[in-house]
Amino acid sequence: MIINKITIGTVIQFFDTDTQTWTSQTFMAGDEVSYELEDGTPINQTDFEDRVVGKNWYLSYDMKQPNEF
């Protein structure tokens, strides 16, 4: 079963006008998180956590920086 975790947050992107390039970006995750099944049916966090074996349900928010594209 696939469960989607939707996190509301903010992306800050930094542009250098001298070099005319994007230099970096930062994602700041907010507190607002929701979960849904593949078909879009919402479930609550407790239902999500109950389906995870070992309770290892955290995944970091890694983002590629502009020079990595």
C-alpha atoms as a PDB file:
ATOM      1  CA  MET A   1       0.000   0.000   0.000  1.00  0.00           C
ATOM      2  CA  ILE A   2       1.252   3.469  -0.866  1.00  0.00           C
ATOM      3  CA  ILE A   3       0.470   6.367   1.453  1.00  0.00           C
ATOM      4  CA  ASN A   4       1.197   9.953   0.392  1.00  0.00           C
ATOM      5  CA  LYS A   5       2.520  12.396   2.999  1.00  0.00           C
ATOM      6  CA  ILE A   6       1.758  16.007   2.061  1.00  0.00           C
ATOM      7  CA  THR A   7       3.768  18.668   3.907  1.00  0.00           C
ATOM      8  CA  ILE A   8       2.968  22.352   3.591  1.00  0.00           C
ATOM      9  CA  GLY A   9       6.033  24.590   3.744  1.00  0.00           C
ATOM     10  CA  THR A  10       8.048  27.344   2.148  1.00  0.00           C
ATOM     11  CA  VAL A  11      10.834  27.280  -0.423  1.00  0.00           C
ATOM     12  CA  ILE A  12      13.314  30.152  -0.427  1.00  0.00           C
ATOM     13  CA  GLN A  13      15.428  30.427  -3.589  1.00  0.00           C
ATOM     14  CA  PHE A  14      18.462  32.706  -3.823  1.00  0.00           C
ATOM     15  CA  PHE A  15      19.374  34.428  -7.114  1.00  0.00           C
ATOM     16  CA  ASP A  16      22.706  36.252  -7.604  1.00  0.00           C
ATOM     17  CA  THR A  17      22.192  39.217  -9.930  1.00  0.00           C
ATOM     18  CA  ASP A  18      25.967  39.621 -10.449  1.00  0.00           C
ATOM     19  CA  THR A  19      26.404  36.116 -11.864  1.00  0.00           C
ATOM     20  CA  GLN A  20      22.798  35.775 -13.102  1.00  0.00           C
ATOM     21  CA  THR A  21      22.501  32.331 -11.498  1.00  0.00           C
ATOM     22  CA  TRP A  22      20.482  30.629  -8.819  1.00  0.00           C
ATOM     23  CA  THR A  23      22.918  29.982  -5.973  1.00  0.00           C
ATOM     24  CA  SER A  24      20.920  27.889  -3.513  1.00  0.00           C
ATOM     25  CA  GLN A  25      17.531  27.064  -2.104  1.00  0.00           C
ATOM     26  CA  THR A  26      16.104  26.135   1.269  1.00  0.00           C
ATOM     27  CA  PHE A  27      12.942  24.256   2.123  1.00  0.00           C
ATOM     28  CA  MET A  28      11.338  25.032   5.469  1.00  0.00           C
ATOM     29  CA  ALA A  29       8.718  22.443   6.351  1.00  0.00           C
ATOM     30  CA  GLY A  30       5.734  23.709   8.230  1.00  0.00           C
ATOM     31  CA  ASP A  31       3.702  21.980  10.897  1.00  0.00           C
ATOM     32  CA  GLU A  32       0.821  21.248   8.532  1.00  0.00           C
ATOM     33  CA  VAL A  33       1.004  17.627   7.344  1.00  0.00           C
ATOM     34  CA  SER A  34      -1.686  15.407   5.882  1.00  0.00           C
ATOM     35  CA  TYR A  35      -1.795  11.796   4.714  1.00  0.00           C
ATOM     36  CA  GLU A  36      -3.778  10.138   1.961  1.00  0.00           C
ATOM     37  CA  LEU A  37      -4.016   6.825   0.180  1.00  0.00           C
ATOM     38  CA  GLU A  38      -3.042   6.543  -3.487  1.00  0.00           C
ATOM     39  CA  ASP A  39      -6.626   7.171  -4.543  1.00  0.00           C
ATOM     40  CA  GLY A  40      -6.738  10.437  -2.560  1.00  0.00           C
ATOM     41  CA  THR A  41      -8.702   9.096   0.404  1.00  0.00           C
ATOM     42  CA  PRO A  42      -7.487  11.001   3.469  1.00  0.00           C
ATOM     43  CA  ILE A  43      -6.241   9.149   6.544  1.00  0.00           C
ATOM     44  CA  ASN A  44      -5.058  10.567   9.860  1.00  0.00           C
ATOM     45  CA  GLN A  45      -1.502  10.419  11.200  1.00  0.00           C
ATOM     46  CA  THR A  46      -2.347   7.708  13.721  1.00  0.00           C
ATOM     47  CA  ASP A  47      -3.667   5.443  10.931  1.00  0.00           C
ATOM     48  CA  PHE A  48      -0.453   6.089   8.985  1.00  0.00           C
ATOM     49  CA  GLU A  49       1.810   5.347  11.958  1.00  0.00           C
ATOM     50  CA  ASP A  50      -0.143   2.169  12.781  1.00  0.00           C
ATOM     51  CA  ARG A  51       0.659   0.808   9.299  1.00  0.00           C
ATOM     52  CA  VAL A  52       4.434   1.381   9.585  1.00  0.00           C
ATOM     53  CA  VAL A  53       6.459  -1.558  10.908  1.00  0.00           C
ATOM     54  CA  GLY A  54       9.067  -0.483  13.455  1.00  0.00           C
ATOM     55  CA  LYS A  55       7.787   3.121  13.599  1.00  0.00           C
ATOM     56  CA  ASN A  56      10.543   4.344  11.260  1.00  0.00           C
ATOM     57  CA  TRP A  57       8.261   6.810   9.483  1.00  0.00           C
ATOM     58  CA  TYR A  58      10.457   9.925   9.284  1.00  0.00           C
ATOM     59  CA  LEU A  59      12.060  10.883   5.958  1.00  0.00           C
ATOM     60  CA  SER A  60      14.247  13.979   5.641  1.00  0.00           C
ATOM     61  CA  TYR A  61      13.452  16.712   3.143  1.00  0.00           C
ATOM     62  CA  ASP A  62      16.515  16.549   0.902  1.00  0.00           C
ATOM     63  CA  MET A  63      16.540  19.034  -1.960  1.00  0.00           C
ATOM     64  CA  LYS A  64      18.978  19.298  -4.846  1.00  0.00           C
ATOM     65  CA  GLN A  65      20.804  22.593  -5.012  1.00  0.00           C
ATOM     66  CA  PRO A  66      20.851  24.488  -8.347  1.00  0.00           C
ATOM     67  CA  ASN A  67      24.420  23.429  -9.221  1.00  0.00           C
ATOM     68  CA  GLU A  68      23.387  19.760  -8.961  1.00  0.00           C
ATOM     69  CA  PHE A  69      20.787  19.873 -11.771  1.00  0.00           C
END
